[in-house]
PDB file of N, CA and C in Angstrom:
ATOM      1  N   MET A   1      -5.994 -47.450 -32.932  1.00  0.00           N
ATOM      2  CA  MET A   1      -6.994 -46.395 -32.858  1.00  0.00           C
ATOM      3  C   MET A   1      -7.545 -46.276 -31.440  1.00  0.00           C
ATOM      4  N   ALA A   2      -7.959 -47.381 -30.866  1.00  0.00           N
ATOM      5  CA  ALA A   2      -8.539 -47.343 -29.524  1.00  0.00           C
ATOM      6  C   ALA A   2      -7.497 -46.909 -28.495  1.00  0.00           C
ATOM      7  N   GLY A   3      -6.241 -47.318 -28.709  1.00  0.00           N
ATOM      8  CA  GLY A   3      -5.181 -46.927 -27.780  1.00  0.00           C
ATOM      9  C   GLY A   3      -4.993 -45.418 -27.759  1.00  0.00           C
ATOM     10  N   GLY A   4      -5.098 -44.776 -28.916  1.00  0.00           N
ATOM     11  CA  GLY A   4      -4.964 -43.324 -28.991  1.00  0.00           C
ATOM     12  C   GLY A   4      -6.097 -42.612 -28.275  1.00  0.00           C
ATOM     13  N   LEU A   5      -7.312 -43.153 -28.387  1.00  0.00           N
ATOM     14  CA  LEU A   5      -8.459 -42.549 -27.698  1.00  0.00           C
ATOM     15  C   LEU A   5      -8.312 -42.655 -26.181  1.00  0.00           C
ATOM     16  N   ILE A   6      -7.849 -43.815 -25.726  1.00  0.00           N
ATOM     17  CA  ILE A   6      -7.667 -44.010 -24.283  1.00  0.00           C
ATOM     18  C   ILE A   6      -6.583 -43.063 -23.775  1.00  0.00           C
ATOM     19  N   GLN A   7      -5.500 -42.922 -24.544  1.00  0.00           N
ATOM     20  CA  GLN A   7      -4.404 -42.043 -24.131  1.00  0.00           C
ATOM     21  C   GLN A   7      -4.874 -40.577 -24.091  1.00  0.00           C
ATOM     22  N   ALA A   8      -5.656 -40.165 -25.075  1.00  0.00           N
ATOM     23  CA  ALA A   8      -6.166 -38.790 -25.097  1.00  0.00           C
ATOM     24  C   ALA A   8      -7.088 -38.548 -23.902  1.00  0.00           C
ATOM     25  N   TRP A   9      -7.920 -39.540 -23.571  1.00  0.00           N
ATOM     26  CA  TRP A   9      -8.815 -39.412 -22.426  1.00  0.00           C
ATOM     27  C   TRP A   9      -8.004 -39.284 -21.132  1.00  0.00           C
ATOM     28  N   ALA A  10      -6.949 -40.092 -21.017  1.00  0.00           N
ATOM     29  CA  ALA A  10      -6.111 -40.069 -19.811  1.00  0.00           C
ATOM     30  C   ALA A  10      -5.414 -38.714 -19.677  1.00  0.00           C
ATOM     31  N   TRP A  11      -4.916 -38.161 -20.760  1.00  0.00           N
ATOM     32  CA  TRP A  11      -4.232 -36.865 -20.699  1.00  0.00           C
ATOM     33  C   TRP A  11      -5.194 -35.760 -20.280  1.00  0.00           C
ATOM     34  N   ARG A  12      -6.428 -35.809 -20.797  1.00  0.00           N
ATOM     35  CA  ARG A  12      -7.415 -34.793 -20.429  1.00  0.00           C
ATOM     36  C   ARG A  12      -7.727 -34.842 -18.939  1.00  0.00           C
ATOM     37  N   HIS A  13      -7.866 -36.036 -18.411  1.00  0.00           N
ATOM     38  CA  HIS A  13      -8.215 -36.165 -17.001  1.00  0.00           C
ATOM     39  C   HIS A  13      -7.043 -35.838 -16.091  1.00  0.00           C
ATOM     40  N   ARG A  14      -5.832 -36.098 -16.547  1.00  0.00           N
ATOM     41  CA  ARG A  14      -4.668 -35.718 -15.742  1.00  0.00           C
ATOM     42  C   ARG A  14      -4.578 -34.206 -15.637  1.00  0.00           C
ATOM     43  N   ARG A  15      -4.836 -33.513 -16.736  1.00  0.00           N
ATOM     44  CA  ARG A  15      -4.778 -32.046 -16.717  1.00  0.00           C
ATOM     45  C   ARG A  15      -5.912 -31.460 -15.879  1.00  0.00           C
ATOM     46  N   ALA A  16      -7.072 -32.127 -15.874  1.00  0.00           N
ATOM     47  CA  ALA A  16      -8.229 -31.608 -15.134  1.00  0.00           C
ATOM     48  C   ALA A  16      -7.986 -31.683 -13.623  1.00  0.00           C
ATOM     49  N   GLU A  17      -7.310 -32.741 -13.154  1.00  0.00           N
ATOM     50  CA  GLU A  17      -7.080 -32.876 -11.717  1.00  0.00           C
ATOM     51  C   GLU A  17      -6.083 -31.825 -11.242  1.00  0.00           C
ATOM     52  N   ALA A  18      -4.851 -31.937 -11.593  1.00  0.00           N
ATOM     53  CA  ALA A  18      -3.751 -31.007 -11.311  1.00  0.00           C
ATOM     54  C   ALA A  18      -3.882 -30.268  -9.982  1.00  0.00           C
ATOM     55  N   PRO A  19      -3.765 -30.957  -8.847  1.00  0.00           N
ATOM     56  CA  PRO A  19      -3.847 -30.250  -7.569  1.00  0.00           C
ATOM     57  C   PRO A  19      -2.658 -29.321  -7.345  1.00  0.00           C
ATOM     58  N   GLY A  20      -1.544 -29.563  -8.010  1.00  0.00           N
ATOM     59  CA  GLY A  20      -0.373 -28.709  -7.862  1.00  0.00           C
ATOM     60  C   GLY A  20      -0.594 -27.313  -8.400  1.00  0.00           C
ATOM     61  N   ASN A  21      -1.465 -27.167  -9.386  1.00  0.00           N
ATOM     62  CA  ASN A  21      -1.722 -25.846  -9.967  1.00  0.00           C
ATOM     63  C   ASN A  21      -2.362 -24.907  -8.957  1.00  0.00           C
ATOM     64  N   ALA A  22      -3.233 -25.418  -8.114  1.00  0.00           N
ATOM     65  CA  ALA A  22      -3.912 -24.572  -7.131  1.00  0.00           C
ATOM     66  C   ALA A  22      -2.894 -24.010  -6.136  1.00  0.00           C
ATOM     67  N   ARG A  23      -1.948 -24.844  -5.726  1.00  0.00           N
ATOM     68  CA  ARG A  23      -0.944 -24.379  -4.772  1.00  0.00           C
ATOM     69  C   ARG A  23      -0.025 -23.339  -5.412  1.00  0.00           C
ATOM     70  N   SER A  24       0.394 -23.567  -6.634  1.00  0.00           N
ATOM     71  CA  SER A  24       1.294 -22.613  -7.279  1.00  0.00           C
ATOM     72  C   SER A  24       0.577 -21.297  -7.542  1.00  0.00           C
ATOM     73  N   HIS A  25      -0.749 -21.345  -7.745  1.00  0.00           N
ATOM     74  CA  HIS A  25      -1.503 -20.115  -7.987  1.00  0.00           C
ATOM     75  C   HIS A  25      -1.502 -19.237  -6.740  1.00  0.00           C
ATOM     76  N   THR A  26      -1.694 -19.822  -5.571  1.00  0.00           N
ATOM     77  CA  THR A  26      -1.669 -19.030  -4.349  1.00  0.00           C
ATOM     78  C   THR A  26      -0.267 -18.520  -4.078  1.00  0.00           C
ATOM     79  N   GLY A  27       0.746 -19.314  -4.403  1.00  0.00           N
ATOM     80  CA  GLY A  27       2.129 -18.857  -4.249  1.00  0.00           C
ATOM     81  C   GLY A  27       2.423 -17.693  -5.164  1.00  0.00           C
ATOM     82  N   THR A  28       1.891 -17.739  -6.362  1.00  0.00           N
ATOM     83  CA  THR A  28       2.094 -16.654  -7.320  1.00  0.00           C
ATOM     84  C   THR A  28       1.416 -15.380  -6.830  1.00  0.00           C
ATOM     85  N   ASP A  29       0.222 -15.500  -6.277  1.00  0.00           N
ATOM     86  CA  ASP A  29      -0.479 -14.326  -5.737  1.00  0.00           C
ATOM     87  C   ASP A  29       0.326 -13.680  -4.619  1.00  0.00           C
ATOM     88  N   THR A  30       0.841 -14.514  -3.722  1.00  0.00           N
ATOM     89  CA  THR A  30       1.638 -13.991  -2.611  1.00  0.00           C
ATOM     90  C   THR A  30       2.895 -13.316  -3.133  1.00  0.00           C
ATOM     91  N   MET A  31       3.527 -13.938  -4.111  1.00  0.00           N
ATOM     92  CA  MET A  31       4.760 -13.373  -4.661  1.00  0.00           C
ATOM     93  C   MET A  31       4.478 -12.035  -5.351  1.00  0.00           C
ATOM     94  N   LEU A  32       3.354 -11.944  -6.050  1.00  0.00           N
ATOM     95  CA  LEU A  32       3.005 -10.687  -6.717  1.00  0.00           C
ATOM     96  C   LEU A  32       2.702  -9.588  -5.712  1.00  0.00           C
ATOM     97  N   LYS A  33       2.069  -9.932  -4.595  1.00  0.00           N
ATOM     98  CA  LYS A  33       1.806  -8.933  -3.554  1.00  0.00           C
ATOM     99  C   LYS A  33       3.113  -8.413  -2.970  1.00  0.00           C
ATOM    100  N   ILE A  34       4.033  -9.329  -2.672  1.00  0.00           N
ATOM    101  CA  ILE A  34       5.327  -8.922  -2.111  1.00  0.00           C
ATOM    102  C   ILE A  34       6.088  -8.065  -3.120  1.00  0.00           C
ATOM    103  N   LEU A  35       6.062  -8.472  -4.384  1.00  0.00           N
ATOM    104  CA  LEU A  35       6.744  -7.703  -5.426  1.00  0.00           C
ATOM    105  C   LEU A  35       6.124  -6.320  -5.574  1.00  0.00           C
ATOM    106  N   GLY A  36       4.813  -6.228  -5.502  1.00  0.00           N
ATOM    107  CA  GLY A  36       4.137  -4.937  -5.604  1.00  0.00           C
ATOM    108  C   GLY A  36       4.516  -4.013  -4.461  1.00  0.00           C
ATOM    109  N   TRP A  37       4.538  -4.553  -3.231  1.00  0.00           N
ATOM    110  CA  TRP A  37       4.938  -3.732  -2.086  1.00  0.00           C
ATOM    111  C   TRP A  37       6.391  -3.301  -2.205  1.00  0.00           C
ATOM    112  N   ALA A  38       7.257  -4.203  -2.674  1.00  0.00           N
ATOM    113  CA  ALA A  38       8.678  -3.865  -2.825  1.00  0.00           C
ATOM    114  C   ALA A  38       8.853  -2.743  -3.846  1.00  0.00           C
ATOM    115  N   ILE A  39       8.141  -2.822  -4.962  1.00  0.00           N
ATOM    116  CA  ILE A  39       8.236  -1.777  -5.987  1.00  0.00           C
ATOM    117  C   ILE A  39       7.710  -0.462  -5.440  1.00  0.00           C
ATOM    118  N   LEU A  40       6.625  -0.497  -4.688  1.00  0.00           N
ATOM    119  CA  LEU A  40       6.062   0.719  -4.104  1.00  0.00           C
ATOM    120  C   LEU A  40       7.043   1.367  -3.125  1.00  0.00           C
ATOM    121  N   ILE A  41       7.661   0.565  -2.281  1.00  0.00           N
ATOM    122  CA  ILE A  41       8.618   1.096  -1.305  1.00  0.00           C
ATOM    123  C   ILE A  41       9.832   1.682  -2.010  1.00  0.00           C
ATOM    124  N   ILE A  42      10.348   0.978  -3.022  1.00  0.00           N
ATOM    125  CA  ILE A  42      11.491   1.487  -3.779  1.00  0.00           C
ATOM    126  C   ILE A  42      11.127   2.789  -4.475  1.00  0.00           C
ATOM    127  N   PHE A  43       9.924   2.885  -5.018  1.00  0.00           N
ATOM    128  CA  PHE A  43       9.484   4.106  -5.683  1.00  0.00           C
ATOM    129  C   PHE A  43       9.415   5.273  -4.699  1.00  0.00           C
ATOM    130  N   ILE A  44       8.872   5.026  -3.512  1.00  0.00           N
ATOM    131  CA  ILE A  44       8.761   6.094  -2.509  1.00  0.00           C
ATOM    132  C   ILE A  44      10.150   6.541  -2.055  1.00  0.00           C
ATOM    133  N   ILE A  45      11.045   5.588  -1.817  1.00  0.00           N
ATOM    134  CA  ILE A  45      12.416   5.947  -1.420  1.00  0.00           C
ATOM    135  C   ILE A  45      13.088   6.734  -2.530  1.00  0.00           C
ATOM    136  N   GLY A  46      12.914   6.299  -3.766  1.00  0.00           N
ATOM    137  CA  GLY A  46      13.488   7.023  -4.897  1.00  0.00           C
ATOM    138  C   GLY A  46      12.928   8.425  -5.011  1.00  0.00           C
ATOM    139  N   LEU A  47      11.658   8.575  -4.774  1.00  0.00           N
ATOM    140  CA  LEU A  47      11.024   9.894  -4.825  1.00  0.00           C
ATOM    141  C   LEU A  47      11.591  10.807  -3.736  1.00  0.00           C
ATOM    142  N   LEU A  48      11.768  10.267  -2.544  1.00  0.00           N
ATOM    143  CA  LEU A  48      12.355  11.047  -1.457  1.00  0.00           C
ATOM    144  C   LEU A  48      13.793  11.447  -1.778  1.00  0.00           C
ATOM    145  N   VAL A  49      14.553  10.545  -2.370  1.00  0.00           N
ATOM    146  CA  VAL A  49      15.942  10.850  -2.734  1.00  0.00           C
ATOM    147  C   VAL A  49      15.981  11.939  -3.797  1.00  0.00           C
ATOM    148  N   VAL A  50      15.140  11.806  -4.816  1.00  0.00           N
ATOM    149  CA  VAL A  50      15.127  12.796  -5.897  1.00  0.00           C
ATOM    150  C   VAL A  50      14.699  14.156  -5.366  1.00  0.00           C
ATOM    151  N   THR A  51      13.684  14.224  -4.556  1.00  0.00           N
ATOM    152  CA  THR A  51      13.250  15.519  -4.028  1.00  0.00           C
ATOM    153  C   THR A  51      14.309  16.086  -3.080  1.00  0.00           C
ATOM    154  N   GLY A  52      15.008  15.232  -2.351  1.00  0.00           N
ATOM    155  CA  GLY A  52      16.096  15.699  -1.494  1.00  0.00           C
ATOM    156  C   GLY A  52      17.226  16.300  -2.302  1.00  0.00           C
ATOM    157  N   ILE A  53      17.568  15.664  -3.415  1.00  0.00           N
ATOM    158  CA  ILE A  53      18.624  16.178  -4.291  1.00  0.00           C
ATOM    159  C   ILE A  53      18.184  17.486  -4.929  1.00  0.00           C
ATOM    160  N   LEU A  54      16.906  17.563  -5.324  1.00  0.00           N
ATOM    161  CA  LEU A  54      16.404  18.808  -5.924  1.00  0.00           C
ATOM    162  C   LEU A  54      16.450  19.944  -4.907  1.00  0.00           C
ATOM    163  N   LYS A  55      16.159  19.633  -3.639  1.00  0.00           N
ATOM    164  CA  LYS A  55      16.233  20.671  -2.612  1.00  0.00           C
ATOM    165  C   LYS A  55      17.669  21.157  -2.414  1.00  0.00           C
ATOM    166  N   LEU A  56      18.624  20.234  -2.522  1.00  0.00           N
ATOM    167  CA  LEU A  56      20.030  20.624  -2.377  1.00  0.00           C
ATOM    168  C   LEU A  56      20.486  21.481  -3.551  1.00  0.00           C
ATOM    169  N   ILE A  57      19.986  21.167  -4.758  1.00  0.00           N
ATOM    170  CA  ILE A  57      20.396  21.926  -5.947  1.00  0.00           C
ATOM    171  C   ILE A  57      19.781  23.313  -5.922  1.00  0.00           C
ATOM    172  N   PHE A  58      18.510  23.422  -5.583  1.00  0.00           N
ATOM    173  CA  PHE A  58      17.832  24.723  -5.679  1.00  0.00           C
ATOM    174  C   PHE A  58      17.818  25.427  -4.371  1.00  0.00           C
TER     175      PHE A  58
END
């Protein structure tokens, strides 16, 4: 019984520290910003291509 309580306490404190989570969170933010800019640029290029094709058709 006491061993289980000590183990549960240790697991809680290991999860509370987790310095690696802070680093991965900033990496995720940076990755999302880059992904957002990439999607925006692809959308603008696609829009220019579509309007260019529409101009050629009409």
